[in-house]
Structures are given as structure tokens and as C-alpha cells.
Amino acid sequence: QVTLVESGGALVRPGGSLRLSCAASGFKFDNYGVAWFRQAPGKEREGVSAISGGGHTYYADSMAGRLTIVRDGAQSTVYLDINNLKPEDTAVYYCAARNEMYGESSYDPTSAESFDSWGQGTQVTVFS
């Protein structure tokens, strides 16, 4: 059973930084692509970043330059560093995973529909 557990969400001031963690279990981690999405109140879920099993990365243009995603195979964990946080970054951040059995180019890492396993989310609130 695929299980994803997010952590690291917090209340932060604008300009601050956070490291979000997505701890995975129940599957062969290296065979899965992992992505981060976020959803703010009243808005649709949007893709933030993704990393394939082979380590290829994607970052949302809206947050370009402020994100770093890495995966630690030994810990079966994906980390997302967000710098220079802004009030508009306030949202619940979700981790998602999918099996790359058909290759890492077989799916759109920016689309929530590409992923079939989800965590419960972690809240990030940026306030002045």
C-alpha cells in the first residue's frame, strides 16, 4: 500500500523559507515519480514541482527561482525547499506519487490527474 506523509508546513513571515518533506512507504521508491501540488482556499489545485525516479525536475513558472526539489532514496523521502515565501504561497501543500512503469515521459508531471497516490497535506501560511 502506497503511503505518503507530508510534514514541514508552518506559519512563516514573508521572505522566510521552509523545507517540506514527503516520506514514502509501501512501494519501490526509485520507480515512482513524486510531485508537490498546492491548493489555496477557493482555488484549484496547482502543480508546484515534481521529480522523476531518474531525478529529472520540474518547477512551476510562477515560483521559478524559489524552489528546490530533491529526493533521498535511502530515506524514501522527497524534499521541497521554498525560499522567499510570499503571502500568495499560503496553501495546503500535497505530495503525490505515481509508478513510472511506462517511463518518466509517459505522463504530465504538472497535472494532478497523472498521480494516483496522495498524502494528507501540510499547511503553509505566510503572514505579515
Protein backbone atom coordinates (compact mmCIF):
# COMPACT_ATOMS: atom_id res chain seq x y z
CA GLN A 1 0.00 0.00 0.00
CA VAL A 2 1.40 3.34 -1.07
CA THR A 3 1.60 5.79 1.81
CA LEU A 4 2.77 9.40 1.62
CA VAL A 5 3.17 11.60 4.68
CA GLU A 6 3.90 15.30 4.35
CA SER A 7 5.44 17.46 7.03
CA GLY A 8 7.18 20.77 7.43
CA GLY A 9 4.29 23.17 6.96
CA ALA A 10 4.32 26.16 9.28
CA LEU A 11 3.43 29.79 9.91
CA VAL A 12 6.15 31.97 8.43
CA ARG A 13 6.80 35.62 7.68
CA PRO A 14 7.19 36.88 4.12
CA GLY A 15 10.72 36.33 2.94
CA GLY A 16 11.14 33.24 5.06
CA SER A 17 11.97 29.71 3.94
CA LEU A 18 10.58 26.25 4.53
CA ARG A 19 11.54 22.68 3.81
CA LEU A 20 8.60 20.38 3.16
CA SER A 21 9.10 16.64 3.43
CA CYS A 22 7.22 13.78 1.80
CA ALA A 23 8.00 10.44 3.40
CA ALA A 24 7.02 7.47 1.25
CA SER A 25 6.44 3.84 2.13
CA GLY A 26 4.81 0.72 0.75
CA PHE A 27 6.38 0.82 -2.72
CA LYS A 28 9.68 0.75 -4.53
CA PHE A 29 10.56 4.42 -4.21
CA ASP A 30 13.02 4.61 -7.10
CA ASN A 31 10.32 3.50 -9.56
CA TYR A 32 7.98 6.36 -8.74
CA GLY A 33 7.73 9.95 -9.78
CA VAL A 34 6.80 12.33 -6.98
CA ALA A 35 5.22 15.75 -7.21
CA TRP A 36 4.09 18.59 -4.99
CA PHE A 37 0.81 20.37 -5.53
CA ARG A 38 -0.85 23.11 -3.54
CA GLN A 39 -4.38 24.31 -3.03
CA ALA A 40 -5.37 27.64 -1.59
CA PRO A 41 -8.90 28.32 -0.28
CA GLY A 42 -11.31 28.83 -3.16
CA LYS A 43 -8.71 27.93 -5.78
CA GLU A 44 -7.93 24.88 -7.86
CA ARG A 45 -5.10 22.55 -7.01
CA GLU A 46 -1.96 23.54 -8.92
CA GLY A 47 1.33 21.85 -9.61
CA VAL A 48 4.35 23.25 -7.81
CA SER A 49 7.22 20.89 -8.54
CA ALA A 50 7.99 17.31 -9.48
CA ILE A 51 10.90 14.92 -9.63
CA SER A 52 11.05 11.70 -11.62
CA GLY A 53 12.52 8.43 -10.45
CA GLY A 54 15.57 9.31 -12.54
CA GLY A 55 15.91 12.70 -10.88
CA HIS A 56 14.55 14.97 -13.60
CA THR A 57 12.87 18.00 -12.11
CA TYR A 58 10.01 20.35 -12.91
CA TYR A 59 9.21 23.71 -11.34
CA ALA A 60 6.15 25.89 -11.76
CA ASP A 61 6.97 29.09 -13.65
CA SER A 62 5.08 31.13 -11.05
CA MET A 63 7.56 30.05 -8.39
CA ALA A 64 10.69 29.75 -10.54
CA GLY A 65 13.90 30.51 -8.73
CA ARG A 66 12.40 29.94 -5.29
CA LEU A 67 12.11 26.15 -5.33
CA THR A 68 14.44 23.19 -5.00
CA ILE A 69 13.21 19.62 -5.08
CA VAL A 70 15.40 16.66 -4.19
CA ARG A 71 14.83 13.01 -3.46
CA ASP A 72 16.67 10.82 -0.97
CA GLY A 73 16.40 7.19 -1.97
CA ALA A 74 17.91 5.93 1.26
CA GLN A 75 15.19 7.71 3.25
CA SER A 76 12.43 7.27 0.63
CA THR A 77 11.73 10.95 1.05
CA VAL A 78 11.30 13.90 -1.28
CA TYR A 79 12.11 17.37 -0.02
CA LEU A 80 10.83 20.67 -1.35
CA ASP A 81 12.66 23.83 -0.31
CA ILE A 82 10.72 27.06 -0.78
CA ASN A 83 12.57 30.34 -0.37
CA ASN A 84 11.42 33.95 -0.21
CA LEU A 85 7.92 32.92 0.80
CA LYS A 86 5.09 35.26 -0.13
CA PRO A 87 1.55 35.62 1.22
CA GLU A 88 0.24 34.15 -2.04
CA ASP A 89 2.13 30.93 -1.24
CA THR A 90 -0.36 30.27 1.56
CA ALA A 91 -1.99 26.92 0.80
CA VAL A 92 -2.18 23.27 1.73
CA TYR A 93 0.73 21.52 0.07
CA TYR A 94 0.19 17.94 -1.07
CA CYS A 95 2.63 15.25 -2.08
CA ALA A 96 1.65 12.80 -4.83
CA ALA A 97 3.27 9.78 -6.46
CA ARG A 98 2.83 7.54 -9.47
CA ASN A 99 4.52 4.46 -10.84
CA GLU A 100 6.75 5.18 -13.84
CA MET A 101 6.43 1.70 -15.32
CA TYR A 102 5.81 3.23 -18.76
CA GLY A 103 8.63 5.73 -18.44
CA GLU A 104 9.01 9.16 -16.90
CA SER A 105 7.93 10.85 -20.11
CA SER A 106 4.65 8.94 -20.24
CA TYR A 107 2.78 11.40 -18.03
CA ASP A 108 2.36 15.09 -17.37
CA PRO A 109 4.02 15.91 -14.01
CA THR A 110 2.08 19.19 -13.79
CA SER A 111 -1.32 17.51 -13.84
CA ALA A 112 -2.95 16.19 -10.67
CA GLU A 113 -4.68 13.57 -12.81
CA SER A 114 -1.32 11.96 -13.51
CA PHE A 115 -0.95 10.88 -9.89
CA ASP A 116 -2.92 8.19 -8.11
CA SER A 117 -1.46 8.30 -4.62
CA TRP A 118 -1.73 11.33 -2.38
CA GLY A 119 -0.74 12.42 1.09
CA GLN A 120 -2.96 14.26 3.54
CA GLY A 121 -1.32 17.65 3.02
CA THR A 122 0.59 20.11 5.15
CA GLN A 123 -0.47 23.72 5.76
CA VAL A 124 1.82 26.60 4.82
CA THR A 125 0.72 30.04 5.96
CA VAL A 126 2.67 33.17 5.12
CA PHE A 127 1.57 36.25 7.03
CA SER A 128 2.87 39.71 7.81
